[in-house]
């Protein structure tokens, strides 16, 4: 359970009004969308991926790469856009990433990405919207 207060806060009813049931499951319930289920996985235009919960810019499109996992993957977030915490669910130890502005669950970061960072931010596409340049 989160105890931190984020700059953007909403009641559970406001979250349910803003998000689709699938987005609510992922972003507020720490769920995961099915691999390959989101159109943003194939998004290749220049632009910015923003949080579906609060519209904060999260990832520049130029940081996106094809990881073959079925989820949008990025080398690096926009500075200050995401925060990390330990996730020990499902019998694994992973690093969860969430929006630094509203606290919504986005996905996980793994140390198996390409240069220059060596990181793979594996993000639920349903947790983001895309704004083309």
Protein backbone atom coordinates (compact mmCIF):
# COMPACT_ATOMS: atom_id res chain seq x y z
CA UNK A 1 0.00 0.00 0.00
CA UNK A 2 1.37 3.40 -0.98
CA UNK A 3 1.91 5.88 1.82
CA UNK A 4 3.55 8.64 -0.22
CA UNK A 5 1.47 11.63 -1.22
CA UNK A 6 1.85 12.50 -4.88
CA UNK A 7 1.32 15.94 -6.48
CA UNK A 8 -1.77 14.61 -8.31
CA UNK A 9 -4.22 12.78 -6.07
CA UNK A 10 -7.72 11.54 -6.80
CA UNK A 11 -10.37 9.61 -4.93
CA UNK A 12 -11.00 6.02 -6.00
CA UNK A 13 -14.22 7.18 -7.64
CA UNK A 14 -12.37 9.91 -9.57
CA UNK A 15 -9.78 7.35 -10.73
CA UNK A 16 -12.55 5.00 -11.90
CA UNK A 17 -14.20 7.87 -13.77
CA UNK A 18 -10.95 8.91 -15.50
CA UNK A 19 -9.62 5.44 -16.37
CA UNK A 20 -11.14 2.53 -18.27
CA UNK A 21 -11.64 -0.63 -16.19
CA UNK A 22 -8.53 -2.13 -17.83
CA UNK A 23 -6.44 0.97 -17.08
CA UNK A 24 -7.69 0.99 -13.49
CA UNK A 25 -6.68 -2.67 -13.06
CA UNK A 26 -3.14 -1.96 -14.31
CA UNK A 27 -2.48 1.54 -13.00
CA UNK A 28 -4.21 1.46 -9.62
CA UNK A 29 -4.25 -2.29 -9.01
CA UNK A 30 -0.68 -2.99 -10.13
CA UNK A 31 -1.89 -5.35 -12.83
CA UNK A 32 -0.35 -6.23 -16.19
CA UNK A 33 -1.94 -6.06 -19.60
CA UNK A 34 -1.66 -9.06 -21.89
CA UNK A 35 1.53 -8.99 -24.00
CA UNK A 36 0.98 -7.65 -27.51
CA UNK A 37 -2.47 -6.26 -26.63
CA UNK A 38 -1.74 -2.53 -26.91
CA UNK A 39 -1.44 -0.53 -30.12
CA UNK A 40 1.27 1.64 -28.51
CA UNK A 41 3.59 -1.36 -28.76
CA UNK A 42 3.77 -0.59 -32.50
CA UNK A 43 3.91 3.22 -32.25
CA UNK A 44 6.91 4.53 -34.20
CA UNK A 45 6.17 8.23 -34.74
CA UNK A 46 8.13 11.04 -33.12
CA UNK A 47 6.41 12.28 -29.98
CA UNK A 48 5.96 11.71 -26.27
CA UNK A 49 4.35 8.96 -24.23
CA UNK A 50 2.42 10.46 -21.30
CA UNK A 51 0.78 9.01 -18.19
CA UNK A 52 -2.87 8.08 -18.80
CA UNK A 53 -3.57 9.00 -15.17
CA UNK A 54 -2.26 12.57 -15.09
CA UNK A 55 -0.81 13.45 -18.55
CA UNK A 56 2.75 13.79 -17.24
CA UNK A 57 5.33 13.22 -20.03
CA UNK A 58 7.05 9.90 -19.28
CA UNK A 59 9.11 8.76 -22.28
CA UNK A 60 10.35 10.40 -25.47
CA UNK A 61 9.56 8.26 -28.51
CA UNK A 62 13.26 8.27 -29.50
CA UNK A 63 13.97 6.18 -26.35
CA UNK A 64 11.58 3.41 -27.45
CA UNK A 65 12.97 0.16 -28.85
CA UNK A 66 11.63 -3.24 -29.87
CA UNK A 67 12.36 -5.68 -27.06
CA UNK A 68 10.31 -8.58 -28.41
CA UNK A 69 8.47 -8.87 -25.08
CA UNK A 70 5.06 -7.66 -26.24
CA UNK A 71 5.15 -4.44 -24.22
CA UNK A 72 6.50 -1.00 -25.16
CA UNK A 73 10.12 -0.78 -24.00
CA UNK A 74 12.29 2.26 -23.43
CA UNK A 75 15.96 2.92 -22.60
CA UNK A 76 15.33 5.78 -20.25
CA UNK A 77 12.42 7.90 -18.96
CA UNK A 78 12.21 11.66 -19.11
CA UNK A 79 14.18 12.95 -16.13
CA UNK A 80 12.12 12.86 -12.93
CA UNK A 81 9.06 11.31 -14.62
CA UNK A 82 9.14 7.91 -12.94
CA UNK A 83 10.05 6.53 -9.54
CA UNK A 84 10.99 2.98 -8.62
CA UNK A 85 10.19 0.62 -5.78
CA UNK A 86 10.84 -3.04 -5.03
CA UNK A 87 8.18 -5.48 -6.18
CA UNK A 88 8.30 -8.95 -4.61
CA UNK A 89 4.97 -10.19 -6.01
CA UNK A 90 4.50 -13.42 -7.97
CA UNK A 91 7.55 -15.02 -6.36
CA UNK A 92 9.96 -12.65 -8.15
CA UNK A 93 12.05 -9.67 -7.16
CA UNK A 94 11.59 -6.87 -9.67
CA UNK A 95 11.84 -3.12 -9.76
CA UNK A 96 8.43 -1.54 -10.29
CA UNK A 97 8.17 1.88 -11.93
CA UNK A 98 5.35 4.30 -11.29
CA UNK A 99 4.51 7.84 -12.34
CA UNK A 100 6.23 10.34 -10.08
CA UNK A 101 3.30 12.74 -10.38
CA UNK A 102 0.28 10.53 -9.61
CA UNK A 103 1.82 7.26 -8.37
CA UNK A 104 0.13 5.10 -10.99
CA UNK A 105 1.78 1.74 -11.74
CA UNK A 106 3.42 1.76 -15.18
CA UNK A 107 5.46 -1.44 -15.36
CA UNK A 108 8.95 -2.61 -14.43
CA UNK A 109 12.57 -1.84 -15.27
CA UNK A 110 15.11 -4.58 -16.00
CA UNK A 111 18.92 -4.47 -16.42
CA UNK A 112 18.87 -6.25 -19.81
CA UNK A 113 18.34 -3.36 -22.23
CA UNK A 114 20.56 -2.08 -25.02
CA UNK A 115 23.23 0.63 -24.72
CA UNK A 116 23.65 3.31 -23.70
CA UNK A 117 21.76 2.70 -20.42
CA UNK A 118 21.54 -1.10 -20.40
CA UNK A 119 18.03 -0.69 -19.00
CA UNK A 120 14.69 -1.89 -20.33
CA UNK A 121 11.69 0.00 -19.01
CA UNK A 122 8.95 -2.50 -19.81
CA UNK A 123 5.77 -0.43 -19.65
CA UNK A 124 2.11 -1.35 -19.91
CA UNK A 125 0.93 0.48 -23.02
CA UNK A 126 -2.52 0.92 -21.53
CA UNK A 127 -0.94 3.11 -18.81
CA UNK A 128 0.12 5.68 -21.41
CA UNK A 129 -1.24 7.93 -24.12
CA UNK A 130 0.84 9.02 -27.11
CA UNK A 131 1.17 12.64 -28.21
CA UNK A 132 2.75 12.91 -31.68
CA UNK A 133 5.09 15.83 -32.39
